Amino acid sequence: MELQGKAAPEFSLPGTDGKDHSLKDYKGKKVVLYFYPKDNTGG
């Protein structure tokens, strides 16, 4: 499934700074969202 260039749905995530960061806070800026799907799991 090709998602590059597609608009992301609105969401917010907690940051390591203790604040919630919402996608709308970065409107007009380039954003890269990266995650580890199996981070902190055995194996």
PDB file of N, CA and C in Angstrom:
ATOM      1  N   MET A   1       0.851  -1.172   0.000  1.00  0.00           N
ATOM      2  CA  MET A   1       0.000   0.000   0.000  1.00  0.00           C
ATOM      3  C   MET A   1       0.903   1.242   0.000  1.00  0.00           C
ATOM      4  N   GLU A   2       0.735   2.078  -0.962  1.00  0.00           N
ATOM      5  CA  GLU A   2       1.540   3.306  -1.080  1.00  0.00           C
ATOM      6  C   GLU A   2       0.850   4.441  -0.327  1.00  0.00           C
ATOM      7  N   LEU A   3       1.527   4.965   0.685  1.00  0.00           N
ATOM      8  CA  LEU A   3       0.958   6.051   1.492  1.00  0.00           C
ATOM      9  C   LEU A   3       1.720   7.351   1.351  1.00  0.00           C
ATOM     10  N   GLN A   4       2.878   7.307   0.727  1.00  0.00           N
ATOM     11  CA  GLN A   4       3.683   8.511   0.588  1.00  0.00           C
ATOM     12  C   GLN A   4       2.911   9.579  -0.170  1.00  0.00           C
ATOM     13  N   GLY A   5       2.907  10.787   0.383  1.00  0.00           N
ATOM     14  CA  GLY A   5       2.210  11.905  -0.257  1.00  0.00           C
ATOM     15  C   GLY A   5       0.744  12.015   0.121  1.00  0.00           C
ATOM     16  N   LYS A   6       0.230  11.059   0.869  1.00  0.00           N
ATOM     17  CA  LYS A   6      -1.179  11.087   1.289  1.00  0.00           C
ATOM     18  C   LYS A   6      -1.315  11.888   2.585  1.00  0.00           C
ATOM     19  N   ALA A   7      -2.466  12.504   2.769  1.00  0.00           N
ATOM     20  CA  ALA A   7      -2.734  13.250   3.997  1.00  0.00           C
ATOM     21  C   ALA A   7      -2.985  12.287   5.148  1.00  0.00           C
ATOM     22  N   ALA A   8      -2.433  12.585   6.313  1.00  0.00           N
ATOM     23  CA  ALA A   8      -2.631  11.767   7.506  1.00  0.00           C
ATOM     24  C   ALA A   8      -3.888  12.234   8.238  1.00  0.00           C
ATOM     25  N   PRO A   9      -4.564  11.326   8.921  1.00  0.00           N
ATOM     26  CA  PRO A   9      -5.711  11.744   9.740  1.00  0.00           C
ATOM     27  C   PRO A   9      -5.221  12.529  10.963  1.00  0.00           C
ATOM     28  N   GLU A  10      -6.073  13.341  11.535  1.00  0.00           N
ATOM     29  CA  GLU A  10      -5.711  14.113  12.720  1.00  0.00           C
ATOM     30  C   GLU A  10      -5.464  13.164  13.888  1.00  0.00           C
ATOM     31  N   PHE A  11      -4.397  13.402  14.624  1.00  0.00           N
ATOM     32  CA  PHE A  11      -4.083  12.604  15.805  1.00  0.00           C
ATOM     33  C   PHE A  11      -3.183  13.414  16.724  1.00  0.00           C
ATOM     34  N   SER A  12      -3.049  12.949  17.946  1.00  0.00           N
ATOM     35  CA  SER A  12      -2.090  13.554  18.875  1.00  0.00           C
ATOM     36  C   SER A  12      -1.392  12.431  19.627  1.00  0.00           C
ATOM     37  N   LEU A  13      -0.151  12.688  20.011  1.00  0.00           N
ATOM     38  CA  LEU A  13       0.675  11.707  20.703  1.00  0.00           C
ATOM     39  C   LEU A  13       1.413  12.381  21.844  1.00  0.00           C
ATOM     40  N   PRO A  14       1.643  11.651  22.938  1.00  0.00           N
ATOM     41  CA  PRO A  14       2.420  12.235  24.031  1.00  0.00           C
ATOM     42  C   PRO A  14       3.897  12.284  23.658  1.00  0.00           C
ATOM     43  N   GLY A  15       4.547  13.388  23.964  1.00  0.00           N
ATOM     44  CA  GLY A  15       5.969  13.541  23.693  1.00  0.00           C
ATOM     45  C   GLY A  15       6.800  13.252  24.922  1.00  0.00           C
ATOM     46  N   THR A  16       8.088  13.088  24.729  1.00  0.00           N
ATOM     47  CA  THR A  16       8.985  12.847  25.855  1.00  0.00           C
ATOM     48  C   THR A  16       9.130  14.095  26.728  1.00  0.00           C
ATOM     49  N   ASP A  17       8.631  15.220  26.236  1.00  0.00           N
ATOM     50  CA  ASP A  17       8.665  16.458  27.013  1.00  0.00           C
ATOM     51  C   ASP A  17       7.447  16.605  27.928  1.00  0.00           C
ATOM     52  N   GLY A  18       6.581  15.585  27.950  1.00  0.00           N
ATOM     53  CA  GLY A  18       5.399  15.610  28.800  1.00  0.00           C
ATOM     54  C   GLY A  18       4.194  16.299  28.190  1.00  0.00           C
ATOM     55  N   LYS A  19       4.343  16.839  27.000  1.00  0.00           N
ATOM     56  CA  LYS A  19       3.248  17.528  26.323  1.00  0.00           C
ATOM     57  C   LYS A  19       2.651  16.635  25.244  1.00  0.00           C
ATOM     58  N   ASP A  20       1.363  16.868  24.923  1.00  0.00           N
ATOM     59  CA  ASP A  20       0.749  16.195  23.787  1.00  0.00           C
ATOM     60  C   ASP A  20       1.059  17.002  22.534  1.00  0.00           C
ATOM     61  N   HIS A  21       1.421  16.309  21.486  1.00  0.00           N
ATOM     62  CA  HIS A  21       1.725  16.945  20.212  1.00  0.00           C
ATOM     63  C   HIS A  21       0.689  16.502  19.195  1.00  0.00           C
ATOM     64  N   SER A  22       0.010  17.459  18.623  1.00  0.00           N
ATOM     65  CA  SER A  22      -1.045  17.196  17.664  1.00  0.00           C
ATOM     66  C   SER A  22      -0.541  17.483  16.254  1.00  0.00           C
ATOM     67  N   LEU A  23      -1.039  16.749  15.306  1.00  0.00           N
ATOM     68  CA  LEU A  23      -0.637  16.962  13.921  1.00  0.00           C
ATOM     69  C   LEU A  23      -0.962  18.384  13.459  1.00  0.00           C
ATOM     70  N   LYS A  24      -2.072  18.935  13.969  1.00  0.00           N
ATOM     71  CA  LYS A  24      -2.459  20.294  13.561  1.00  0.00           C
ATOM     72  C   LYS A  24      -1.450  21.344  14.033  1.00  0.00           C
ATOM     73  N   ASP A  25      -0.650  21.016  15.064  1.00  0.00           N
ATOM     74  CA  ASP A  25       0.380  21.938  15.544  1.00  0.00           C
ATOM     75  C   ASP A  25       1.487  22.142  14.501  1.00  0.00           C
ATOM     76  N   TYR A  26       1.578  21.234  13.567  1.00  0.00           N
ATOM     77  CA  TYR A  26       2.646  21.270  12.576  1.00  0.00           C
ATOM     78  C   TYR A  26       2.116  21.556  11.166  1.00  0.00           C
ATOM     79  N   LYS A  27       0.909  22.102  11.090  1.00  0.00           N
ATOM     80  CA  LYS A  27       0.311  22.405   9.795  1.00  0.00           C
ATOM     81  C   LYS A  27       1.215  23.341   8.989  1.00  0.00           C
ATOM     82  N   GLY A  28       1.445  22.995   7.727  1.00  0.00           N
ATOM     83  CA  GLY A  28       2.296  23.788   6.852  1.00  0.00           C
ATOM     84  C   GLY A  28       3.768  23.419   6.942  1.00  0.00           C
ATOM     85  N   LYS A  29       4.105  22.467   7.817  1.00  0.00           N
ATOM     86  CA  LYS A  29       5.490  22.022   7.975  1.00  0.00           C
ATOM     87  C   LYS A  29       5.602  20.571   7.540  1.00  0.00           C
ATOM     88  N   LYS A  30       6.796  20.175   7.186  1.00  0.00           N
ATOM     89  CA  LYS A  30       7.030  18.780   6.845  1.00  0.00           C
ATOM     90  C   LYS A  30       7.212  17.993   8.138  1.00  0.00           C
ATOM     91  N   VAL A  31       6.565  16.848   8.225  1.00  0.00           N
ATOM     92  CA  VAL A  31       6.608  16.013   9.417  1.00  0.00           C
ATOM     93  C   VAL A  31       6.967  14.588   9.012  1.00  0.00           C
ATOM     94  N   VAL A  32       7.861  13.980   9.777  1.00  0.00           N
ATOM     95  CA  VAL A  32       8.196  12.573   9.584  1.00  0.00           C
ATOM     96  C   VAL A  32       7.788  11.836  10.850  1.00  0.00           C
ATOM     97  N   LEU A  33       6.935  10.852  10.719  1.00  0.00           N
ATOM     98  CA  LEU A  33       6.514  10.034  11.845  1.00  0.00           C
ATOM     99  C   LEU A  33       7.151   8.666  11.679  1.00  0.00           C
ATOM    100  N   TYR A  34       7.919   8.265  12.674  1.00  0.00           N
ATOM    101  CA  TYR A  34       8.628   6.996  12.613  1.00  0.00           C
ATOM    102  C   TYR A  34       8.322   6.227  13.884  1.00  0.00           C
ATOM    103  N   PHE A  35       8.079   4.951  13.747  1.00  0.00           N
ATOM    104  CA  PHE A  35       7.800   4.139  14.918  1.00  0.00           C
ATOM    105  C   PHE A  35       8.410   2.759  14.747  1.00  0.00           C
ATOM    106  N   TYR A  36       8.606   2.088  15.862  1.00  0.00           N
ATOM    107  CA  TYR A  36       9.117   0.725  15.878  1.00  0.00           C
ATOM    108  C   TYR A  36       7.948  -0.190  16.190  1.00  0.00           C
ATOM    109  N   PRO A  37       7.423  -0.923  15.217  1.00  0.00           N
ATOM    110  CA  PRO A  37       6.227  -1.744  15.474  1.00  0.00           C
ATOM    111  C   PRO A  37       6.445  -2.842  16.514  1.00  0.00           C
ATOM    112  N   LYS A  38       7.683  -3.323  16.670  1.00  0.00           N
ATOM    113  CA  LYS A  38       7.925  -4.406  17.629  1.00  0.00           C
ATOM    114  C   LYS A  38       8.952  -4.007  18.677  1.00  0.00           C
ATOM    115  N   ASP A  39       9.083  -2.734  18.951  1.00  0.00           N
ATOM    116  CA  ASP A  39      10.030  -2.255  19.953  1.00  0.00           C
ATOM    117  C   ASP A  39       9.598  -2.742  21.332  1.00  0.00           C
ATOM    118  N   ASN A  40      10.573  -3.095  22.139  1.00  0.00           N
ATOM    119  CA  ASN A  40      10.340  -3.574  23.505  1.00  0.00           C
ATOM    120  C   ASN A  40       9.517  -4.860  23.578  1.00  0.00           C
ATOM    121  N   THR A  41       9.640  -5.708  22.568  1.00  0.00           N
ATOM    122  CA  THR A  41       8.989  -7.016  22.606  1.00  0.00           C
ATOM    123  C   THR A  41      10.061  -8.099  22.560  1.00  0.00           C
ATOM    124  N   GLY A  42       9.730  -9.219  23.074  1.00  0.00           N
ATOM    125  CA  GLY A  42      10.677 -10.339  23.031  1.00  0.00           C
ATOM    126  C   GLY A  42      10.862 -10.861  21.612  1.00  0.00           C
ATOM    127  N   GLY A  43      12.035 -11.353  21.334  1.00  0.00           N
ATOM    128  CA  GLY A  43      12.255 -11.967  20.021  1.00  0.00           C
ATOM    129  C   GLY A  43      13.062 -11.234  19.117  1.00  0.00           C
TER     130      GLY A  43
END
